[in-house]
Amino acid sequence: MNNLWALILPGLGATFGVFLLRQYMLGIPRELEDAAWVDGCSRLRFLIFIVVPLIRPALGVLALMTFLGSWTSFLWPLLVLSTPDNFTMPLGLVRFTAGWADPFRGIGPTMAGAVIAVLPTLIIFVLGHRYLMRGISLGSIGK
């Protein structure tokens, strides 16, 4: 344990991602695959050039939600990491504030650390929010 791969690998096989992509792919019409097959497209080519561009909003939502879940995770990194060099931002903030005898004395530096912790999340949300909105709007349109 005690390395960052212990944080990365469990997130790659998360059941939520598998379920989300499966449900999104069920919305792709079967006729699209039939038409591609008639045109001489292989299954791999169909997957790469037709399916992946169609599921891009779902991939964006999945990437955004996976990042947000792992960035704010506290308990799992606390269990698998023991060296402060590998601590995530929430663990670092707790370790930083635990050094103060009076919790209100260090409120300024703690809040500055919290703002620094929120900035990457905010930037990624602003950049990825169009995928989130597109994924929500495509999922709400009936057939």
N, C-alpha and C. Protein backbone atom coordinates (compact mmCIF):
# COMPACT_ATOMS: atom_id res chain seq x y z
N MET A 1 0.85 -1.17 0.00
CA MET A 1 0.00 0.00 0.00
C MET A 1 0.90 1.24 0.00
N ASN A 2 0.50 2.27 0.63
CA ASN A 2 1.24 3.51 0.79
C ASN A 2 1.81 4.07 -0.51
N ASN A 3 1.10 3.91 -1.61
CA ASN A 3 1.46 4.61 -2.84
C ASN A 3 0.18 5.09 -3.52
N LEU A 4 0.34 5.95 -4.48
CA LEU A 4 -0.83 6.57 -5.10
C LEU A 4 -1.62 5.61 -5.98
N TRP A 5 -1.02 4.50 -6.39
CA TRP A 5 -1.76 3.51 -7.19
C TRP A 5 -2.89 2.90 -6.38
N ALA A 6 -2.74 2.85 -5.06
CA ALA A 6 -3.82 2.34 -4.21
C ALA A 6 -5.02 3.26 -4.23
N LEU A 7 -4.82 4.51 -4.63
CA LEU A 7 -5.94 5.45 -4.77
C LEU A 7 -6.51 5.44 -6.18
N ILE A 8 -5.67 5.19 -7.18
CA ILE A 8 -6.09 5.29 -8.58
C ILE A 8 -6.82 4.03 -9.05
N LEU A 9 -6.27 2.87 -8.78
CA LEU A 9 -6.81 1.62 -9.34
C LEU A 9 -8.25 1.30 -8.92
N PRO A 10 -8.66 1.50 -7.67
CA PRO A 10 -10.06 1.20 -7.34
C PRO A 10 -11.06 2.07 -8.10
N GLY A 11 -10.69 3.27 -8.45
CA GLY A 11 -11.60 4.14 -9.19
C GLY A 11 -11.79 3.75 -10.64
N LEU A 12 -10.84 3.00 -11.21
CA LEU A 12 -10.93 2.62 -12.62
C LEU A 12 -12.00 1.58 -12.88
N GLY A 13 -12.24 0.72 -11.92
CA GLY A 13 -13.24 -0.33 -12.12
C GLY A 13 -14.51 -0.09 -11.34
N ALA A 14 -14.82 1.15 -11.06
CA ALA A 14 -16.00 1.47 -10.26
C ALA A 14 -17.27 1.04 -10.99
N THR A 15 -18.18 0.45 -10.26
CA THR A 15 -19.41 -0.05 -10.87
C THR A 15 -20.29 1.06 -11.41
N PHE A 16 -20.21 2.25 -10.82
CA PHE A 16 -21.01 3.35 -11.32
C PHE A 16 -20.64 3.69 -12.75
N GLY A 17 -19.36 3.72 -13.05
CA GLY A 17 -18.91 4.04 -14.41
C GLY A 17 -19.35 3.00 -15.42
N VAL A 18 -19.23 1.74 -15.04
CA VAL A 18 -19.66 0.66 -15.93
C VAL A 18 -21.16 0.76 -16.19
N PHE A 19 -21.93 0.99 -15.14
CA PHE A 19 -23.39 1.09 -15.29
C PHE A 19 -23.78 2.32 -16.12
N LEU A 20 -23.14 3.46 -15.86
CA LEU A 20 -23.46 4.68 -16.60
C LEU A 20 -23.19 4.51 -18.08
N LEU A 21 -22.02 3.99 -18.43
CA LEU A 21 -21.69 3.82 -19.85
C LEU A 21 -22.56 2.76 -20.51
N ARG A 22 -22.89 1.70 -19.78
CA ARG A 22 -23.76 0.67 -20.34
C ARG A 22 -25.14 1.25 -20.65
N GLN A 23 -25.70 1.99 -19.72
CA GLN A 23 -27.02 2.57 -19.93
C GLN A 23 -27.00 3.59 -21.07
N TYR A 24 -25.93 4.33 -21.16
CA TYR A 24 -25.82 5.33 -22.23
C TYR A 24 -25.68 4.64 -23.59
N MET A 25 -24.92 3.54 -23.63
CA MET A 25 -24.74 2.82 -24.90
C MET A 25 -26.00 2.08 -25.33
N LEU A 26 -26.86 1.73 -24.40
CA LEU A 26 -28.12 1.09 -24.78
C LEU A 26 -29.01 2.03 -25.59
N GLY A 27 -28.77 3.32 -25.48
CA GLY A 27 -29.54 4.30 -26.25
C GLY A 27 -29.07 4.47 -27.68
N ILE A 28 -27.95 3.87 -28.04
CA ILE A 28 -27.45 3.94 -29.42
C ILE A 28 -28.26 2.96 -30.26
N PRO A 29 -28.87 3.43 -31.34
CA PRO A 29 -29.73 2.55 -32.15
C PRO A 29 -28.94 1.39 -32.78
N ARG A 30 -29.56 0.24 -32.79
CA ARG A 30 -28.96 -0.95 -33.40
C ARG A 30 -28.80 -0.76 -34.91
N GLU A 31 -29.69 0.03 -35.49
CA GLU A 31 -29.64 0.28 -36.94
C GLU A 31 -28.35 0.99 -37.34
N LEU A 32 -27.79 1.75 -36.43
CA LEU A 32 -26.53 2.45 -36.71
C LEU A 32 -25.40 1.44 -36.91
N GLU A 33 -25.37 0.42 -36.09
CA GLU A 33 -24.36 -0.63 -36.25
C GLU A 33 -24.60 -1.42 -37.54
N ASP A 34 -25.86 -1.69 -37.83
CA ASP A 34 -26.18 -2.42 -39.07
C ASP A 34 -25.76 -1.63 -40.30
N ALA A 35 -26.02 -0.32 -40.28
CA ALA A 35 -25.63 0.53 -41.42
C ALA A 35 -24.12 0.59 -41.56
N ALA A 36 -23.41 0.66 -40.45
CA ALA A 36 -21.95 0.68 -40.50
C ALA A 36 -21.41 -0.65 -41.02
N TRP A 37 -22.04 -1.76 -40.61
CA TRP A 37 -21.61 -3.08 -41.08
C TRP A 37 -21.84 -3.22 -42.58
N VAL A 38 -22.96 -2.70 -43.08
CA VAL A 38 -23.25 -2.75 -44.52
C VAL A 38 -22.21 -1.94 -45.30
N ASP A 39 -21.75 -0.85 -44.71
CA ASP A 39 -20.73 -0.01 -45.36
C ASP A 39 -19.33 -0.59 -45.23
N GLY A 40 -19.18 -1.75 -44.58
CA GLY A 40 -17.87 -2.40 -44.48
C GLY A 40 -17.07 -2.01 -43.26
N CYS A 41 -17.71 -1.49 -42.26
CA CYS A 41 -17.03 -1.05 -41.04
C CYS A 41 -16.88 -2.25 -40.09
N SER A 42 -15.68 -2.43 -39.55
CA SER A 42 -15.47 -3.51 -38.58
C SER A 42 -16.01 -3.08 -37.21
N ARG A 43 -16.08 -4.02 -36.29
CA ARG A 43 -16.60 -3.71 -34.94
C ARG A 43 -15.69 -2.72 -34.22
N LEU A 44 -14.39 -2.89 -34.36
CA LEU A 44 -13.45 -1.98 -33.71
C LEU A 44 -13.57 -0.58 -34.29
N ARG A 45 -13.65 -0.50 -35.60
CA ARG A 45 -13.79 0.81 -36.24
C ARG A 45 -15.12 1.47 -35.86
N PHE A 46 -16.18 0.67 -35.76
CA PHE A 46 -17.48 1.18 -35.32
C PHE A 46 -17.38 1.74 -33.90
N LEU A 47 -16.68 1.00 -33.05
CA LEU A 47 -16.52 1.45 -31.67
C LEU A 47 -15.74 2.76 -31.60
N ILE A 48 -14.64 2.83 -32.34
CA ILE A 48 -13.76 4.00 -32.25
C ILE A 48 -14.37 5.23 -32.92
N PHE A 49 -14.92 5.06 -34.11
CA PHE A 49 -15.34 6.23 -34.89
C PHE A 49 -16.81 6.60 -34.73
N ILE A 50 -17.63 5.70 -34.22
CA ILE A 50 -19.05 6.02 -34.09
C ILE A 50 -19.49 6.04 -32.63
N VAL A 51 -19.18 4.98 -31.88
CA VAL A 51 -19.67 4.89 -30.51
C VAL A 51 -18.97 5.90 -29.59
N VAL A 52 -17.65 5.97 -29.65
CA VAL A 52 -16.92 6.87 -28.74
C VAL A 52 -17.34 8.33 -28.93
N PRO A 53 -17.48 8.85 -30.16
CA PRO A 53 -17.98 10.23 -30.26
C PRO A 53 -19.40 10.40 -29.74
N LEU A 54 -20.23 9.37 -29.85
CA LEU A 54 -21.60 9.48 -29.35
C LEU A 54 -21.66 9.47 -27.83
N ILE A 55 -20.75 8.76 -27.19
CA ILE A 55 -20.79 8.68 -25.72
C ILE A 55 -19.85 9.69 -25.06
N ARG A 56 -19.32 10.62 -25.82
CA ARG A 56 -18.41 11.62 -25.25
C ARG A 56 -19.04 12.39 -24.08
N PRO A 57 -20.32 12.80 -24.15
CA PRO A 57 -20.89 13.47 -22.97
C PRO A 57 -20.90 12.57 -21.73
N ALA A 58 -21.21 11.29 -21.90
CA ALA A 58 -21.20 10.38 -20.76
C ALA A 58 -19.79 10.19 -20.22
N LEU A 59 -18.81 10.12 -21.11
CA LEU A 59 -17.42 10.00 -20.66
C LEU A 59 -16.99 11.25 -19.90
N GLY A 60 -17.43 12.42 -20.37
CA GLY A 60 -17.11 13.66 -19.67
C GLY A 60 -17.73 13.71 -18.28
N VAL A 61 -18.99 13.31 -18.18
CA VAL A 61 -19.66 13.27 -16.88
C VAL A 61 -18.97 12.28 -15.96
N LEU A 62 -18.63 11.12 -16.50
CA LEU A 62 -17.95 10.10 -15.69
C LEU A 62 -16.59 10.59 -15.21
N ALA A 63 -15.83 11.22 -16.08
CA ALA A 63 -14.52 11.75 -15.68
C ALA A 63 -14.67 12.83 -14.61
N LEU A 64 -15.65 13.71 -14.79
CA LEU A 64 -15.88 14.78 -13.83
C LEU A 64 -16.29 14.22 -12.47
N MET A 65 -17.21 13.28 -12.46
CA MET A 65 -17.68 12.72 -11.20
C MET A 65 -16.61 11.86 -10.52
N THR A 66 -15.82 11.15 -11.30
CA THR A 66 -14.75 10.34 -10.72
C THR A 66 -13.68 11.24 -10.10
N PHE A 67 -13.34 12.31 -10.80
CA PHE A 67 -12.36 13.24 -10.24
C PHE A 67 -12.87 13.87 -8.95
N LEU A 68 -14.11 14.35 -8.97
CA LEU A 68 -14.65 15.00 -7.78
C LEU A 68 -14.73 14.03 -6.61
N GLY A 69 -15.10 12.79 -6.89
CA GLY A 69 -15.18 11.80 -5.82
C GLY A 69 -13.82 11.46 -5.23
N SER A 70 -12.82 11.36 -6.08
CA SER A 70 -11.49 11.01 -5.57
C SER A 70 -10.78 12.21 -4.96
N TRP A 71 -11.03 13.40 -5.47
CA TRP A 71 -10.36 14.59 -4.94
C TRP A 71 -10.83 14.90 -3.52
N THR A 72 -12.10 14.67 -3.24
CA THR A 72 -12.63 14.99 -1.92
C THR A 72 -12.66 13.78 -0.99
N SER A 73 -12.14 12.67 -1.41
CA SER A 73 -12.16 11.46 -0.59
C SER A 73 -11.26 11.62 0.63
N PHE A 74 -11.78 11.22 1.75
CA PHE A 74 -11.01 11.33 2.99
C PHE A 74 -10.71 9.96 3.60
N LEU A 75 -11.71 9.11 3.69
CA LEU A 75 -11.55 7.86 4.43
C LEU A 75 -10.62 6.87 3.73
N TRP A 76 -10.80 6.66 2.42
CA TRP A 76 -9.96 5.68 1.72
C TRP A 76 -8.47 6.07 1.74
N PRO A 77 -8.11 7.33 1.44
CA PRO A 77 -6.69 7.68 1.55
C PRO A 77 -6.16 7.57 2.98
N LEU A 78 -7.03 7.82 3.96
CA LEU A 78 -6.61 7.68 5.35
C LEU A 78 -6.27 6.23 5.68
N LEU A 79 -6.99 5.30 5.05
CA LEU A 79 -6.75 3.88 5.30
C LEU A 79 -5.51 3.35 4.57
N VAL A 80 -5.25 3.81 3.36
CA VAL A 80 -4.19 3.19 2.56
C VAL A 80 -2.88 3.98 2.54
N LEU A 81 -2.88 5.22 2.98
CA LEU A 81 -1.65 6.03 2.96
C LEU A 81 -1.16 6.26 4.38
N SER A 82 0.14 6.15 4.57
CA SER A 82 0.71 6.41 5.89
C SER A 82 1.81 7.47 5.85
N THR A 83 2.38 7.73 4.70
CA THR A 83 3.44 8.72 4.57
C THR A 83 2.82 10.08 4.22
N PRO A 84 3.14 11.13 4.96
CA PRO A 84 2.57 12.44 4.65
C PRO A 84 2.92 12.96 3.25
N ASP A 85 3.97 12.43 2.63
CA ASP A 85 4.31 12.85 1.27
C ASP A 85 3.23 12.47 0.27
N ASN A 86 2.49 11.41 0.53
CA ASN A 86 1.46 10.93 -0.39
C ASN A 86 0.05 11.38 0.00
N PHE A 87 -0.10 12.12 1.07
CA PHE A 87 -1.43 12.51 1.53
C PHE A 87 -2.17 13.33 0.47
N THR A 88 -3.47 13.12 0.42
CA THR A 88 -4.32 13.92 -0.47
C THR A 88 -4.63 15.24 0.22
N MET A 89 -5.31 16.13 -0.50
CA MET A 89 -5.59 17.46 0.04
C MET A 89 -6.43 17.41 1.32
N PRO A 90 -7.51 16.64 1.40
CA PRO A 90 -8.26 16.60 2.67
C PRO A 90 -7.42 16.09 3.84
N LEU A 91 -6.59 15.08 3.61
CA LEU A 91 -5.73 14.59 4.69
C LEU A 91 -4.70 15.63 5.09
N GLY A 92 -4.16 16.33 4.12
CA GLY A 92 -3.20 17.39 4.43
C GLY A 92 -3.82 18.51 5.23
N LEU A 93 -5.06 18.89 4.90
CA LEU A 93 -5.74 19.94 5.66
C LEU A 93 -6.01 19.50 7.09
N VAL A 94 -6.43 18.27 7.28
CA VAL A 94 -6.68 17.77 8.64
C VAL A 94 -5.38 17.72 9.43
N ARG A 95 -4.32 17.27 8.80
CA ARG A 95 -3.03 17.21 9.49
C ARG A 95 -2.53 18.61 9.82
N PHE A 96 -2.79 19.55 8.92
CA PHE A 96 -2.37 20.94 9.15
C PHE A 96 -3.13 21.55 10.32
N THR A 97 -4.44 21.34 10.37
CA THR A 97 -5.23 21.95 11.44
C THR A 97 -5.08 21.21 12.76
N ALA A 98 -4.66 19.95 12.73
CA ALA A 98 -4.49 19.20 13.98
C ALA A 98 -3.30 19.71 14.78
N GLY A 99 -2.41 20.45 14.16
CA GLY A 99 -1.25 20.97 14.86
C GLY A 99 -1.55 22.18 15.74
N TRP A 100 -2.73 22.77 15.60
CA TRP A 100 -3.08 23.95 16.38
C TRP A 100 -3.73 23.52 17.69
N ALA A 101 -3.24 24.08 18.81
CA ALA A 101 -3.87 23.79 20.11
C ALA A 101 -5.22 24.49 20.19
N ASP A 102 -5.27 25.73 19.72
CA ASP A 102 -6.53 26.48 19.68
C ASP A 102 -7.03 26.46 18.24
N PRO A 103 -8.16 25.80 17.96
CA PRO A 103 -8.59 25.66 16.57
C PRO A 103 -8.92 26.97 15.88
N PHE A 104 -9.27 28.02 16.64
CA PHE A 104 -9.63 29.29 16.02
C PHE A 104 -8.40 30.14 15.71
N ARG A 105 -7.26 29.80 16.28
CA ARG A 105 -6.04 30.57 16.01
C ARG A 105 -5.56 30.36 14.58
N GLY A 106 -5.71 29.17 14.06
CA GLY A 106 -5.24 28.87 12.72
C GLY A 106 -6.34 28.87 11.67
N ILE A 107 -7.42 29.60 11.93
CA ILE A 107 -8.54 29.56 10.99
C ILE A 107 -8.20 30.22 9.66
N GLY A 108 -7.37 31.25 9.67
CA GLY A 108 -6.99 31.92 8.43
C GLY A 108 -6.20 31.02 7.49
N PRO A 109 -5.10 30.43 7.96
CA PRO A 109 -4.37 29.50 7.09
C PRO A 109 -5.18 28.28 6.67
N THR A 110 -6.07 27.82 7.56
CA THR A 110 -6.91 26.67 7.21
C THR A 110 -7.87 27.03 6.09
N MET A 111 -8.47 28.20 6.16
CA MET A 111 -9.39 28.62 5.10
C MET A 111 -8.64 28.88 3.79
N ALA A 112 -7.41 29.38 3.87
CA ALA A 112 -6.61 29.54 2.66
C ALA A 112 -6.32 28.18 2.02
N GLY A 113 -6.02 27.19 2.85
CA GLY A 113 -5.81 25.84 2.33
C GLY A 113 -7.08 25.27 1.73
N ALA A 114 -8.24 25.57 2.33
CA ALA A 114 -9.51 25.09 1.78
C ALA A 114 -9.80 25.72 0.42
N VAL A 115 -9.47 27.00 0.27
CA VAL A 115 -9.66 27.66 -1.03
C VAL A 115 -8.75 27.03 -2.08
N ILE A 116 -7.51 26.76 -1.71
CA ILE A 116 -6.59 26.10 -2.64
C ILE A 116 -7.09 24.70 -2.99
N ALA A 117 -7.71 24.02 -2.04
CA ALA A 117 -8.25 22.68 -2.30
C ALA A 117 -9.45 22.73 -3.24
N VAL A 118 -10.22 23.80 -3.19
CA VAL A 118 -11.43 23.91 -4.01
C VAL A 118 -11.12 24.40 -5.42
N LEU A 119 -10.04 25.12 -5.62
CA LEU A 119 -9.74 25.70 -6.93
C LEU A 119 -9.65 24.69 -8.07
N PRO A 120 -8.93 23.58 -7.95
CA PRO A 120 -8.91 22.62 -9.06
C PRO A 120 -10.30 22.05 -9.37
N THR A 121 -11.09 21.80 -8.33
CA THR A 121 -12.44 21.31 -8.53
C THR A 121 -13.28 22.32 -9.29
N LEU A 122 -13.17 23.57 -8.92
CA LEU A 122 -13.93 24.63 -9.58
C LEU A 122 -13.50 24.79 -11.03
N ILE A 123 -12.21 24.76 -11.28
CA ILE A 123 -11.71 24.91 -12.65
C ILE A 123 -12.16 23.74 -13.53
N ILE A 124 -12.06 22.53 -13.01
CA ILE A 124 -12.48 21.36 -13.80
C ILE A 124 -13.98 21.38 -14.02
N PHE A 125 -14.75 21.83 -13.04
CA PHE A 125 -16.20 21.91 -13.24
C PHE A 125 -16.55 22.95 -14.30
N VAL A 126 -15.90 24.10 -14.27
CA VAL A 126 -16.18 25.13 -15.28
C VAL A 126 -15.82 24.63 -16.67
N LEU A 127 -14.69 23.93 -16.80
CA LEU A 127 -14.29 23.41 -18.11
C LEU A 127 -15.17 22.24 -18.56
N GLY A 128 -15.64 21.41 -17.63
CA GLY A 128 -16.41 20.23 -18.00
C GLY A 128 -17.90 20.37 -17.88
N HIS A 129 -18.38 21.54 -17.54
CA HIS A 129 -19.81 21.72 -17.30
C HIS A 129 -20.64 21.59 -18.58
N ARG A 130 -20.06 21.85 -19.73
CA ARG A 130 -20.83 21.70 -20.98
C ARG A 130 -21.12 20.22 -21.25
N TYR A 131 -20.17 19.33 -20.90
CA TYR A 131 -20.43 17.89 -21.05
C TYR A 131 -21.52 17.44 -20.09
N LEU A 132 -21.49 17.99 -18.88
CA LEU A 132 -22.51 17.64 -17.90
C LEU A 132 -23.88 18.08 -18.37
N MET A 133 -23.99 19.30 -18.86
CA MET A 133 -25.28 19.80 -19.34
C MET A 133 -25.74 19.06 -20.59
N ARG A 134 -24.83 18.74 -21.48
CA ARG A 134 -25.19 18.00 -22.69
C ARG A 134 -25.66 16.60 -22.34
N GLY A 135 -24.98 15.97 -21.38
CA GLY A 135 -25.39 14.64 -20.95
C GLY A 135 -26.75 14.64 -20.28
N ILE A 136 -27.03 15.67 -19.49
CA ILE A 136 -28.33 15.77 -18.85
C ILE A 136 -29.42 16.03 -19.87
N SER A 137 -29.15 16.93 -20.82
CA SER A 137 -30.19 17.27 -21.80
C SER A 137 -30.44 16.12 -22.77
N LEU A 138 -29.41 15.36 -23.14
CA LEU A 138 -29.63 14.22 -24.03
C LEU A 138 -30.38 13.10 -23.34
N GLY A 139 -30.16 12.96 -22.05
CA GLY A 139 -30.86 11.92 -21.31
C GLY A 139 -32.32 12.23 -21.07
N SER A 140 -32.71 13.50 -21.20
CA SER A 140 -34.09 13.87 -20.91
C SER A 140 -34.98 13.88 -22.14
N ILE A 141 -34.41 13.78 -23.32
CA ILE A 141 -35.21 13.82 -24.55
C ILE A 141 -35.79 12.44 -24.80
N GLY A 142 -37.10 12.37 -24.94
CA GLY A 142 -37.77 11.09 -25.19
C GLY A 142 -37.68 10.71 -26.66
N LYS A 143 -37.96 9.44 -26.93
CA LYS A 143 -37.89 8.96 -28.31
C LYS A 143 -39.19 9.20 -29.03
